[in-house]
Amino acid sequence: DSDTQITATVPPGASTGPINVTTPGGSAASASFTVIPAEPGPDGDLAPWGAPDGNLNAGDMLIMYRIVLGDIFPTPLDYLHGDLYPQGTPDGVIDMSDLILQQKIILQLESE
């Protein structure tokens, strides 16, 4: 990455520990590293509201409906999970396109 930062893939379950780096210029060992988990991508999981549970179901569709209809205002967490469309490049809006894609995912008509 740079002279002062390295990004690495670590084994599943790793959280902290030493890391050894070898370059043509020599080797070095760090005191420890800390794994920073990646933020979840949009997955449509909105329920329970404010505490997504990792399951996609009718509860998630209900929350999405309420956001799209303006009954509730989306939180930053809602945008993180609910801004599904366009796939791969969320547009910062939760609207009918996101709702339709969420329904297709839940009904297994389209993959995440």
PDB file of N, CA and C in Angstrom:
ATOM      1  N   ASP A   1       0.814  -1.201   0.000  1.00  0.00           N
ATOM      2  CA  ASP A   1       0.000   0.000   0.000  1.00  0.00           C
ATOM      3  C   ASP A   1       0.864   1.274   0.000  1.00  0.00           C
ATOM      4  N   SER A   2       1.788   1.354   0.967  1.00  0.00           N
ATOM      5  CA  SER A   2       2.679   2.513   1.042  1.00  0.00           C
ATOM      6  C   SER A   2       3.883   2.137   1.904  1.00  0.00           C
ATOM      7  N   ASP A   3       4.761   3.100   2.151  1.00  0.00           N
ATOM      8  CA  ASP A   3       5.914   2.837   3.011  1.00  0.00           C
ATOM      9  C   ASP A   3       5.526   2.617   4.464  1.00  0.00           C
ATOM     10  N   THR A   4       4.312   3.045   4.844  1.00  0.00           N
ATOM     11  CA  THR A   4       3.908   2.958   6.247  1.00  0.00           C
ATOM     12  C   THR A   4       2.647   2.135   6.470  1.00  0.00           C
ATOM     13  N   GLN A   5       2.041   1.585   5.419  1.00  0.00           N
ATOM     14  CA  GLN A   5       0.790   0.839   5.584  1.00  0.00           C
ATOM     15  C   GLN A   5       0.784  -0.367   4.667  1.00  0.00           C
ATOM     16  N   ILE A   6       0.318  -1.508   5.222  1.00  0.00           N
ATOM     17  CA  ILE A   6       0.170  -2.750   4.467  1.00  0.00           C
ATOM     18  C   ILE A   6      -1.241  -3.270   4.702  1.00  0.00           C
ATOM     19  N   THR A   7      -1.904  -3.681   3.647  1.00  0.00           N
ATOM     20  CA  THR A   7      -3.203  -4.336   3.761  1.00  0.00           C
ATOM     21  C   THR A   7      -2.985  -5.808   3.453  1.00  0.00           C
ATOM     22  N   ALA A   8      -3.496  -6.681   4.331  1.00  0.00           N
ATOM     23  CA  ALA A   8      -3.262  -8.118   4.153  1.00  0.00           C
ATOM     24  C   ALA A   8      -4.529  -8.904   4.441  1.00  0.00           C
ATOM     25  N   THR A   9      -4.632 -10.070   3.820  1.00  0.00           N
ATOM     26  CA  THR A   9      -5.692 -11.018   4.123  1.00  0.00           C
ATOM     27  C   THR A   9      -5.151 -11.962   5.186  1.00  0.00           C
ATOM     28  N   VAL A  10      -5.917 -12.148   6.256  1.00  0.00           N
ATOM     29  CA  VAL A  10      -5.482 -13.014   7.351  1.00  0.00           C
ATOM     30  C   VAL A  10      -6.386 -14.233   7.427  1.00  0.00           C
ATOM     31  N   PRO A  11      -5.947 -15.284   8.103  1.00  0.00           N
ATOM     32  CA  PRO A  11      -6.772 -16.497   8.197  1.00  0.00           C
ATOM     33  C   PRO A  11      -8.093 -16.223   8.912  1.00  0.00           C
ATOM     34  N   PRO A  12      -9.151 -16.969   8.564  1.00  0.00           N
ATOM     35  CA  PRO A  12     -10.434 -16.812   9.258  1.00  0.00           C
ATOM     36  C   PRO A  12     -10.253 -16.976  10.764  1.00  0.00           C
ATOM     37  N   GLY A  13     -10.914 -16.135  11.522  1.00  0.00           N
ATOM     38  CA  GLY A  13     -10.848 -16.201  12.972  1.00  0.00           C
ATOM     39  C   GLY A  13      -9.717 -15.401  13.583  1.00  0.00           C
ATOM     40  N   ALA A  14      -8.790 -14.915  12.763  1.00  0.00           N
ATOM     41  CA  ALA A  14      -7.679 -14.113  13.296  1.00  0.00           C
ATOM     42  C   ALA A  14      -8.201 -12.781  13.788  1.00  0.00           C
ATOM     43  N   SER A  15      -7.651 -12.284  14.882  1.00  0.00           N
ATOM     44  CA  SER A  15      -8.088 -10.986  15.396  1.00  0.00           C
ATOM     45  C   SER A  15      -6.907 -10.063  15.688  1.00  0.00           C
ATOM     46  N   THR A  16      -5.894 -10.562  16.374  1.00  0.00           N
ATOM     47  CA  THR A  16      -4.684  -9.776  16.639  1.00  0.00           C
ATOM     48  C   THR A  16      -3.498 -10.720  16.678  1.00  0.00           C
ATOM     49  N   GLY A  17      -2.309 -10.159  16.575  1.00  0.00           N
ATOM     50  CA  GLY A  17      -1.103 -10.971  16.673  1.00  0.00           C
ATOM     51  C   GLY A  17       0.030 -10.350  15.898  1.00  0.00           C
ATOM     52  N   PRO A  18       1.188 -10.993  15.919  1.00  0.00           N
ATOM     53  CA  PRO A  18       2.337 -10.451  15.181  1.00  0.00           C
ATOM     54  C   PRO A  18       2.213 -10.743  13.688  1.00  0.00           C
ATOM     55  N   ILE A  19       2.910  -9.965  12.914  1.00  0.00           N
ATOM     56  CA  ILE A  19       2.962 -10.195  11.475  1.00  0.00           C
ATOM     57  C   ILE A  19       4.403 -10.024  11.005  1.00  0.00           C
ATOM     58  N   ASN A  20       4.837 -10.912  10.146  1.00  0.00           N
ATOM     59  CA  ASN A  20       6.183 -10.856   9.579  1.00  0.00           C
ATOM     60  C   ASN A  20       6.090 -10.375   8.142  1.00  0.00           C
ATOM     61  N   VAL A  21       6.959  -9.444   7.779  1.00  0.00           N
ATOM     62  CA  VAL A  21       6.993  -8.899   6.427  1.00  0.00           C
ATOM     63  C   VAL A  21       8.392  -9.105   5.872  1.00  0.00           C
ATOM     64  N   THR A  22       8.446  -9.681   4.666  1.00  0.00           N
ATOM     65  CA  THR A  22       9.730  -9.884   4.001  1.00  0.00           C
ATOM     66  C   THR A  22       9.688  -9.189   2.655  1.00  0.00           C
ATOM     67  N   THR A  23      10.696  -8.371   2.403  1.00  0.00           N
ATOM     68  CA  THR A  23      10.832  -7.651   1.137  1.00  0.00           C
ATOM     69  C   THR A  23      12.243  -7.874   0.614  1.00  0.00           C
ATOM     70  N   PRO A  24      12.511  -7.462  -0.619  1.00  0.00           N
ATOM     71  CA  PRO A  24      13.896  -7.579  -1.106  1.00  0.00           C
ATOM     72  C   PRO A  24      14.885  -6.810  -0.222  1.00  0.00           C
ATOM     73  N   GLY A  25      14.402  -5.799   0.514  1.00  0.00           N
ATOM     74  CA  GLY A  25      15.262  -5.000   1.370  1.00  0.00           C
ATOM     75  C   GLY A  25      15.489  -5.590   2.746  1.00  0.00           C
ATOM     76  N   GLY A  26      14.824  -6.702   3.079  1.00  0.00           N
ATOM     77  CA  GLY A  26      15.006  -7.309   4.386  1.00  0.00           C
ATOM     78  C   GLY A  26      13.699  -7.775   4.993  1.00  0.00           C
ATOM     79  N   SER A  27      13.737  -8.175   6.255  1.00  0.00           N
ATOM     80  CA  SER A  27      12.576  -8.690   6.974  1.00  0.00           C
ATOM     81  C   SER A  27      12.344  -7.890   8.240  1.00  0.00           C
ATOM     82  N   ALA A  28      11.102  -7.871   8.668  1.00  0.00           N
ATOM     83  CA  ALA A  28      10.748  -7.199   9.922  1.00  0.00           C
ATOM     84  C   ALA A  28       9.519  -7.880  10.505  1.00  0.00           C
ATOM     85  N   ALA A  29       9.400  -7.809  11.820  1.00  0.00           N
ATOM     86  CA  ALA A  29       8.229  -8.354  12.517  1.00  0.00           C
ATOM     87  C   ALA A  29       7.589  -7.240  13.320  1.00  0.00           C
ATOM     88  N   SER A  30       6.267  -7.197  13.271  1.00  0.00           N
ATOM     89  CA  SER A  30       5.552  -6.182  14.042  1.00  0.00           C
ATOM     90  C   SER A  30       5.312  -6.693  15.451  1.00  0.00           C
ATOM     91  N   ALA A  31       5.000  -5.767  16.355  1.00  0.00           N
ATOM     92  CA  ALA A  31       4.618  -6.163  17.710  1.00  0.00           C
ATOM     93  C   ALA A  31       3.275  -6.882  17.660  1.00  0.00           C
ATOM     94  N   SER A  32       2.309  -6.344  16.930  1.00  0.00           N
ATOM     95  CA  SER A  32       1.014  -7.005  16.750  1.00  0.00           C
ATOM     96  C   SER A  32       0.239  -6.289  15.658  1.00  0.00           C
ATOM     97  N   PHE A  33      -0.796  -6.935  15.180  1.00  0.00           N
ATOM     98  CA  PHE A  33      -1.704  -6.311  14.225  1.00  0.00           C
ATOM     99  C   PHE A  33      -3.112  -6.448  14.764  1.00  0.00           C
ATOM    100  N   THR A  34      -4.014  -5.657  14.254  1.00  0.00           N
ATOM    101  CA  THR A  34      -5.422  -5.743  14.637  1.00  0.00           C
ATOM    102  C   THR A  34      -6.246  -5.884  13.375  1.00  0.00           C
ATOM    103  N   VAL A  35      -7.115  -6.886  13.334  1.00  0.00           N
ATOM    104  CA  VAL A  35      -8.008  -7.088  12.199  1.00  0.00           C
ATOM    105  C   VAL A  35      -9.160  -6.098  12.321  1.00  0.00           C
ATOM    106  N   ILE A  36      -9.378  -5.339  11.271  1.00  0.00           N
ATOM    107  CA  ILE A  36     -10.505  -4.405  11.215  1.00  0.00           C
ATOM    108  C   ILE A  36     -11.529  -5.015  10.268  1.00  0.00           C
ATOM    109  N   PRO A  37     -12.659  -5.514  10.802  1.00  0.00           N
ATOM    110  CA  PRO A  37     -13.638  -6.173   9.935  1.00  0.00           C
ATOM    111  C   PRO A  37     -14.211  -5.202   8.901  1.00  0.00           C
ATOM    112  N   ALA A  38     -14.462  -5.719   7.727  1.00  0.00           N
ATOM    113  CA  ALA A  38     -15.068  -4.906   6.674  1.00  0.00           C
ATOM    114  C   ALA A  38     -16.512  -4.587   7.042  1.00  0.00           C
ATOM    115  N   GLU A  39     -16.951  -3.413   6.640  1.00  0.00           N
ATOM    116  CA  GLU A  39     -18.350  -3.045   6.847  1.00  0.00           C
ATOM    117  C   GLU A  39     -19.223  -3.947   5.970  1.00  0.00           C
ATOM    118  N   PRO A  40     -20.381  -4.340   6.489  1.00  0.00           N
ATOM    119  CA  PRO A  40     -21.256  -5.149   5.645  1.00  0.00           C
ATOM    120  C   PRO A  40     -21.757  -4.334   4.455  1.00  0.00           C
ATOM    121  N   GLY A  41     -21.883  -4.989   3.342  1.00  0.00           N
ATOM    122  CA  GLY A  41     -22.436  -4.310   2.173  1.00  0.00           C
ATOM    123  C   GLY A  41     -23.949  -4.299   2.248  1.00  0.00           C
ATOM    124  N   PRO A  42     -24.587  -3.603   1.357  1.00  0.00           N
ATOM    125  CA  PRO A  42     -26.051  -3.609   1.380  1.00  0.00           C
ATOM    126  C   PRO A  42     -26.572  -5.026   1.167  1.00  0.00           C
ATOM    127  N   ASP A  43     -27.427  -5.476   2.060  1.00  0.00           N
ATOM    128  CA  ASP A  43     -27.956  -6.833   1.986  1.00  0.00           C
ATOM    129  C   ASP A  43     -29.469  -6.892   2.175  1.00  0.00           C
ATOM    130  N   GLY A  44     -30.110  -5.739   2.449  1.00  0.00           N
ATOM    131  CA  GLY A  44     -31.561  -5.712   2.628  1.00  0.00           C
ATOM    132  C   GLY A  44     -32.018  -6.033   4.033  1.00  0.00           C
ATOM    133  N   ASP A  45     -31.101  -6.341   4.942  1.00  0.00           N
ATOM    134  CA  ASP A  45     -31.452  -6.721   6.311  1.00  0.00           C
ATOM    135  C   ASP A  45     -31.704  -5.472   7.148  1.00  0.00           C
ATOM    136  N   LEU A  46     -32.958  -5.156   7.393  1.00  0.00           N
ATOM    137  CA  LEU A  46     -33.338  -3.939   8.133  1.00  0.00           C
ATOM    138  C   LEU A  46     -34.051  -4.218   9.451  1.00  0.00           C
ATOM    139  N   ALA A  47     -34.450  -5.468   9.688  1.00  0.00           N
ATOM    140  CA  ALA A  47     -35.253  -5.776  10.869  1.00  0.00           C
ATOM    141  C   ALA A  47     -34.488  -6.700  11.814  1.00  0.00           C
ATOM    142  N   PRO A  48     -34.754  -6.560  13.104  1.00  0.00           N
ATOM    143  CA  PRO A  48     -35.557  -5.500  13.724  1.00  0.00           C
ATOM    144  C   PRO A  48     -34.922  -4.125  13.475  1.00  0.00           C
ATOM    145  N   TRP A  49     -35.759  -3.126  13.378  1.00  0.00           N
ATOM    146  CA  TRP A  49     -35.295  -1.788  13.024  1.00  0.00           C
ATOM    147  C   TRP A  49     -34.264  -1.303  14.025  1.00  0.00           C
ATOM    148  N   GLY A  50     -33.108  -0.909  13.533  1.00  0.00           N
ATOM    149  CA  GLY A  50     -32.032  -0.417  14.385  1.00  0.00           C
ATOM    150  C   GLY A  50     -31.085  -1.502  14.870  1.00  0.00           C
ATOM    151  N   ALA A  51     -31.430  -2.765  14.624  1.00  0.00           N
ATOM    152  CA  ALA A  51     -30.582  -3.879  15.058  1.00  0.00           C
ATOM    153  C   ALA A  51     -30.748  -5.062  14.108  1.00  0.00           C
ATOM    154  N   PRO A  52     -30.303  -4.925  12.852  1.00  0.00           N
ATOM    155  CA  PRO A  52     -30.478  -6.022  11.890  1.00  0.00           C
ATOM    156  C   PRO A  52     -29.952  -7.336  12.445  1.00  0.00           C
ATOM    157  N   ASP A  53     -30.706  -8.419  12.183  1.00  0.00           N
ATOM    158  CA  ASP A  53     -30.391  -9.710  12.802  1.00  0.00           C
ATOM    159  C   ASP A  53     -29.716 -10.716  11.876  1.00  0.00           C
ATOM    160  N   GLY A  54     -29.413 -10.315  10.650  1.00  0.00           N
ATOM    161  CA  GLY A  54     -28.747 -11.237   9.737  1.00  0.00           C
ATOM    162  C   GLY A  54     -29.692 -12.135   8.966  1.00  0.00           C
ATOM    163  N   ASN A  55     -30.996 -11.985   9.175  1.00  0.00           N
ATOM    164  CA  ASN A  55     -31.986 -12.801   8.473  1.00  0.00           C
ATOM    165  C   ASN A  55     -32.827 -11.918   7.567  1.00  0.00           C
ATOM    166  N   LEU A  56     -33.040 -12.350   6.337  1.00  0.00           N
ATOM    167  CA  LEU A  56     -33.912 -11.616   5.423  1.00  0.00           C
ATOM    168  C   LEU A  56     -35.278 -12.267   5.434  1.00  0.00           C
ATOM    169  N   ASN A  57     -36.304 -11.451   5.744  1.00  0.00           N
ATOM    170  CA  ASN A  57     -37.655 -11.984   5.837  1.00  0.00           C
ATOM    171  C   ASN A  57     -38.675 -10.863   5.675  1.00  0.00           C
ATOM    172  N   ALA A  58     -39.943 -11.170   5.961  1.00  0.00           N
ATOM    173  CA  ALA A  58     -41.031 -10.197   5.797  1.00  0.00           C
ATOM    174  C   ALA A  58     -40.831  -8.968   6.673  1.00  0.00           C
ATOM    175  N   GLY A  59     -40.194  -9.126   7.818  1.00  0.00           N
ATOM    176  CA  GLY A  59     -39.927  -7.972   8.686  1.00  0.00           C
ATOM    177  C   GLY A  59     -39.052  -6.946   7.991  1.00  0.00           C
ATOM    178  N   ASP A  60     -38.075  -7.416   7.232  1.00  0.00           N
ATOM    179  CA  ASP A  60     -37.199  -6.514   6.481  1.00  0.00           C
ATOM    180  C   ASP A  60     -37.979  -5.793   5.383  1.00  0.00           C
ATOM    181  N   MET A  61     -38.886  -6.518   4.724  1.00  0.00           N
ATOM    182  CA  MET A  61     -39.717  -5.882   3.688  1.00  0.00           C
ATOM    183  C   MET A  61     -40.613  -4.812   4.300  1.00  0.00           C
ATOM    184  N   LEU A  62     -41.155  -5.082   5.482  1.00  0.00           N
ATOM    185  CA  LEU A  62     -42.021  -4.107   6.138  1.00  0.00           C
ATOM    186  C   LEU A  62     -41.259  -2.825   6.461  1.00  0.00           C
ATOM    187  N   ILE A  63     -40.059  -2.949   6.998  1.00  0.00           N
ATOM    188  CA  ILE A  63     -39.249  -1.762   7.297  1.00  0.00           C
ATOM    189  C   ILE A  63     -38.959  -0.998   6.004  1.00  0.00           C
ATOM    190  N   MET A  64     -38.589  -1.709   4.935  1.00  0.00           N
ATOM    191  CA  MET A  64     -38.288  -1.054   3.652  1.00  0.00           C
ATOM    192  C   MET A  64     -39.529  -0.330   3.128  1.00  0.00           C
ATOM    193  N   TYR A  65     -40.695  -0.981   3.187  1.00  0.00           N
ATOM    194  CA  TYR A  65     -41.945  -0.323   2.779  1.00  0.00           C
ATOM    195  C   TYR A  65     -42.148   0.977   3.545  1.00  0.00           C
ATOM    196  N   ARG A  66     -41.971   0.926   4.860  1.00  0.00           N
ATOM    197  CA  ARG A  66     -42.196   2.113   5.690  1.00  0.00           C
ATOM    198  C   ARG A  66     -41.228   3.233   5.346  1.00  0.00           C
ATOM    199  N   ILE A  67     -39.984   2.877   5.031  1.00  0.00           N
ATOM    200  CA  ILE A  67     -39.018   3.903   4.617  1.00  0.00           C
ATOM    201  C   ILE A  67     -39.432   4.501   3.283  1.00  0.00           C
ATOM    202  N   VAL A  68     -39.749   3.646   2.310  1.00  0.00           N
ATOM    203  CA  VAL A  68     -40.131   4.121   0.971  1.00  0.00           C
ATOM    204  C   VAL A  68     -41.391   4.993   1.035  1.00  0.00           C
ATOM    205  N   LEU A  69     -42.343   4.625   1.876  1.00  0.00           N
ATOM    206  CA  LEU A  69     -43.579   5.405   2.005  1.00  0.00           C
ATOM    207  C   LEU A  69     -43.411   6.672   2.836  1.00  0.00           C
ATOM    208  N   GLY A  70     -42.274   6.818   3.509  1.00  0.00           N
ATOM    209  CA  GLY A  70     -42.028   8.002   4.319  1.00  0.00           C
ATOM    210  C   GLY A  70     -42.587   7.912   5.730  1.00  0.00           C
ATOM    211  N   ASP A  71     -43.017   6.726   6.139  1.00  0.00           N
ATOM    212  CA  ASP A  71     -43.532   6.543   7.503  1.00  0.00           C
ATOM    213  C   ASP A  71     -42.418   6.645   8.537  1.00  0.00           C
ATOM    214  N   ILE A  72     -41.214   6.198   8.176  1.00  0.00           N
ATOM    215  CA  ILE A  72     -40.048   6.316   9.046  1.00  0.00           C
ATOM    216  C   ILE A  72     -38.891   6.850   8.203  1.00  0.00           C
ATOM    217  N   PHE A  73     -37.984   7.542   8.857  1.00  0.00           N
ATOM    218  CA  PHE A  73     -36.833   8.095   8.159  1.00  0.00           C
ATOM    219  C   PHE A  73     -35.647   7.149   8.318  1.00  0.00           C
ATOM    220  N   PRO A  74     -34.939   6.853   7.218  1.00  0.00           N
ATOM    221  CA  PRO A  74     -33.820   5.913   7.311  1.00  0.00           C
ATOM    222  C   PRO A  74     -32.659   6.466   8.124  1.00  0.00           C
ATOM    223  N   THR A  75     -32.084   5.596   8.916  1.00  0.00           N
ATOM    224  CA  THR A  75     -30.897   5.911   9.704  1.00  0.00           C
ATOM    225  C   THR A  75     -29.663   5.577   8.869  1.00  0.00           C
ATOM    226  N   PRO A  76     -28.475   5.989   9.315  1.00  0.00           N
ATOM    227  CA  PRO A  76     -27.259   5.567   8.589  1.00  0.00           C
ATOM    228  C   PRO A  76     -27.147   4.050   8.468  1.00  0.00           C
ATOM    229  N   LEU A  77     -27.573   3.312   9.501  1.00  0.00           N
ATOM    230  CA  LEU A  77     -27.548   1.853   9.446  1.00  0.00           C
ATOM    231  C   LEU A  77     -28.505   1.337   8.375  1.00  0.00           C
ATOM    232  N   ASP A  78     -29.669   1.988   8.239  1.00  0.00           N
ATOM    233  CA  ASP A  78     -30.626   1.600   7.198  1.00  0.00           C
ATOM    234  C   ASP A  78     -30.026   1.796   5.812  1.00  0.00           C
ATOM    235  N   TYR A  79     -29.311   2.916   5.609  1.00  0.00           N
ATOM    236  CA  TYR A  79     -28.663   3.138   4.310  1.00  0.00           C
ATOM    237  C   TYR A  79     -27.600   2.078   4.049  1.00  0.00           C
ATOM    238  N   LEU A  80     -26.844   1.704   5.073  1.00  0.00           N
ATOM    239  CA  LEU A  80     -25.788   0.710   4.927  1.00  0.00           C
ATOM    240  C   LEU A  80     -26.358  -0.623   4.453  1.00  0.00           C
ATOM    241  N   HIS A  81     -27.510  -1.015   4.987  1.00  0.00           N
ATOM    242  CA  HIS A  81     -28.112  -2.305   4.645  1.00  0.00           C
ATOM    243  C   HIS A  81     -29.159  -2.212   3.537  1.00  0.00           C
ATOM    244  N   GLY A  82     -29.849  -1.083   3.430  1.00  0.00           N
ATOM    245  CA  GLY A  82     -31.018  -1.012   2.556  1.00  0.00           C
ATOM    246  C   GLY A  82     -30.841  -0.344   1.212  1.00  0.00           C
ATOM    247  N   ASP A  83     -29.738   0.347   0.986  1.00  0.00           N
ATOM    248  CA  ASP A  83     -29.511   1.008  -0.303  1.00  0.00           C
ATOM    249  C   ASP A  83     -28.944  -0.025  -1.269  1.00  0.00           C
ATOM    250  N   LEU A  84     -29.827  -0.814  -1.857  1.00  0.00           N
ATOM    251  CA  LEU A  84     -29.431  -1.966  -2.668  1.00  0.00           C
ATOM    252  C   LEU A  84     -29.224  -1.662  -4.142  1.00  0.00           C
ATOM    253  N   TYR A  85     -29.899  -0.641  -4.638  1.00  0.00           N
ATOM    254  CA  TYR A  85     -29.920  -0.406  -6.091  1.00  0.00           C
ATOM    255  C   TYR A  85     -29.289   0.924  -6.426  1.00  0.00           C
ATOM    256  N   PRO A  86     -28.532   1.013  -7.486  1.00  0.00           N
ATOM    257  CA  PRO A  86     -28.091  -0.057  -8.375  1.00  0.00           C
ATOM    258  C   PRO A  86     -27.104  -0.985  -7.677  1.00  0.00           C
ATOM    259  N   GLN A  87     -27.182  -2.271  -8.003  1.00  0.00           N
ATOM    260  CA  GLN A  87     -26.333  -3.263  -7.357  1.00  0.00           C
ATOM    261  C   GLN A  87     -24.863  -2.938  -7.577  1.00  0.00           C
ATOM    262  N   GLY A  88     -24.102  -2.970  -6.492  1.00  0.00           N
ATOM    263  CA  GLY A  88     -22.671  -2.716  -6.554  1.00  0.00           C
ATOM    264  C   GLY A  88     -22.288  -1.255  -6.495  1.00  0.00           C
ATOM    265  N   THR A  89     -23.247  -0.362  -6.736  1.00  0.00           N
ATOM    266  CA  THR A  89     -22.975   1.082  -6.690  1.00  0.00           C
ATOM    267  C   THR A  89     -24.175   1.805  -6.078  1.00  0.00           C
ATOM    268  N   PRO A  90     -24.415   1.614  -4.778  1.00  0.00           N
ATOM    269  CA  PRO A  90     -25.565   2.268  -4.134  1.00  0.00           C
ATOM    270  C   PRO A  90     -25.575   3.763  -4.421  1.00  0.00           C
ATOM    271  N   ASP A  91     -26.797   4.310  -4.564  1.00  0.00           N
ATOM    272  CA  ASP A  91     -26.947   5.711  -4.967  1.00  0.00           C
ATOM    273  C   ASP A  91     -27.260   6.672  -3.828  1.00  0.00           C
ATOM    274  N   GLY A  92     -27.247   6.189  -2.581  1.00  0.00           N
ATOM    275  CA  GLY A  92     -27.496   7.078  -1.451  1.00  0.00           C
ATOM    276  C   GLY A  92     -28.960   7.361  -1.191  1.00  0.00           C
ATOM    277  N   VAL A  93     -29.847   6.618  -1.854  1.00  0.00           N
ATOM    278  CA  VAL A  93     -31.292   6.808  -1.720  1.00  0.00           C
ATOM    279  C   VAL A  93     -31.932   5.443  -1.482  1.00  0.00           C
ATOM    280  N   ILE A  94     -32.889   5.385  -0.571  1.00  0.00           N
ATOM    281  CA  ILE A  94     -33.696   4.171  -0.423  1.00  0.00           C
ATOM    282  C   ILE A  94     -35.053   4.487  -1.038  1.00  0.00           C
ATOM    283  N   ASP A  95     -35.355   3.810  -2.145  1.00  0.00           N
ATOM    284  CA  ASP A  95     -36.595   4.090  -2.869  1.00  0.00           C
ATOM    285  C   ASP A  95     -37.198   2.787  -3.402  1.00  0.00           C
ATOM    286  N   MET A  96     -38.174   2.924  -4.297  1.00  0.00           N
ATOM    287  CA  MET A  96     -38.891   1.769  -4.812  1.00  0.00           C
ATOM    288  C   MET A  96     -37.954   0.760  -5.494  1.00  0.00           C
ATOM    289  N   SER A  97     -36.899   1.233  -6.143  1.00  0.00           N
ATOM    290  CA  SER A  97     -35.943   0.315  -6.788  1.00  0.00           C
ATOM    291  C   SER A  97     -35.293  -0.591  -5.754  1.00  0.00           C
ATOM    292  N   ASP A  98     -34.950  -0.033  -4.583  1.00  0.00           N
ATOM    293  CA  ASP A  98     -34.351  -0.832  -3.513  1.00  0.00           C
ATOM    294  C   ASP A  98     -35.360  -1.841  -2.968  1.00  0.00           C
ATOM    295  N   LEU A  99     -36.600  -1.405  -2.820  1.00  0.00           N
ATOM    296  CA  LEU A  99     -37.653  -2.281  -2.313  1.00  0.00           C
ATOM    297  C   LEU A  99     -37.872  -3.465  -3.249  1.00  0.00           C
ATOM    298  N   ILE A 100     -37.949  -3.201  -4.547  1.00  0.00           N
ATOM    299  CA  ILE A 100     -38.166  -4.280  -5.517  1.00  0.00           C
ATOM    300  C   ILE A 100     -37.007  -5.265  -5.499  1.00  0.00           C
ATOM    301  N   LEU A 101     -35.777  -4.757  -5.459  1.00  0.00           N
ATOM    302  CA  LEU A 101     -34.614  -5.646  -5.419  1.00  0.00           C
ATOM    303  C   LEU A 101     -34.592  -6.450  -4.122  1.00  0.00           C
ATOM    304  N   GLN A 102     -34.926  -5.816  -2.997  1.00  0.00           N
ATOM    305  CA  GLN A 102     -34.978  -6.539  -1.722  1.00  0.00           C
ATOM    306  C   GLN A 102     -35.998  -7.681  -1.794  1.00  0.00           C
ATOM    307  N   GLN A 103     -37.172  -7.407  -2.377  1.00  0.00           N
ATOM    308  CA  GLN A 103     -38.195  -8.449  -2.493  1.00  0.00           C
ATOM    309  C   GLN A 103     -37.700  -9.600  -3.361  1.00  0.00           C
ATOM    310  N   LYS A 104     -37.011  -9.285  -4.465  1.00  0.00           N
ATOM    311  CA  LYS A 104     -36.486 -10.333  -5.330  1.00  0.00           C
ATOM    312  C   LYS A 104     -35.466 -11.193  -4.586  1.00  0.00           C
ATOM    313  N   ILE A 105     -34.633 -10.558  -3.760  1.00  0.00           N
ATOM    314  CA  ILE A 105     -33.633 -11.310  -2.983  1.00  0.00           C
ATOM    315  C   ILE A 105     -34.324 -12.201  -1.955  1.00  0.00           C
ATOM    316  N   ILE A 106     -35.292 -11.629  -1.227  1.00  0.00           N
ATOM    317  CA  ILE A 106     -35.985 -12.401  -0.192  1.00  0.00           C
ATOM    318  C   ILE A 106     -36.769 -13.560  -0.801  1.00  0.00           C
ATOM    319  N   LEU A 107     -37.393 -13.317  -1.947  1.00  0.00           N
ATOM    320  CA  LEU A 107     -38.179 -14.369  -2.604  1.00  0.00           C
ATOM    321  C   LEU A 107     -37.306 -15.270  -3.475  1.00  0.00           C
ATOM    322  N   GLN A 108     -35.994 -15.042  -3.429  1.00  0.00           N
ATOM    323  CA  GLN A 108     -34.995 -15.841  -4.144  1.00  0.00           C
ATOM    324  C   GLN A 108     -35.211 -15.806  -5.655  1.00  0.00           C
ATOM    325  N   LEU A 109     -35.610 -14.631  -6.141  1.00  0.00           N
ATOM    326  CA  LEU A 109     -35.740 -14.419  -7.580  1.00  0.00           C
ATOM    327  C   LEU A 109     -34.463 -13.796  -8.132  1.00  0.00           C
ATOM    328  N   GLU A 110     -33.594 -13.299  -7.227  1.00  0.00           N
ATOM    329  CA  GLU A 110     -32.326 -12.695  -7.617  1.00  0.00           C
ATOM    330  C   GLU A 110     -31.355 -12.857  -6.463  1.00  0.00           C
ATOM    331  N   SER A 111     -30.074 -13.036  -6.780  1.00  0.00           N
ATOM    332  CA  SER A 111     -29.071 -13.206  -5.724  1.00  0.00           C
ATOM    333  C   SER A 111     -28.573 -11.848  -5.283  1.00  0.00           C
ATOM    334  N   GLU A 112     -27.932 -11.829  -4.079  1.00  0.00           N
ATOM    335  CA  GLU A 112     -27.387 -10.581  -3.535  1.00  0.00           C
ATOM    336  C   GLU A 112     -26.194 -10.140  -4.309  1.00  0.00           C
TER     337      GLU A 112
END
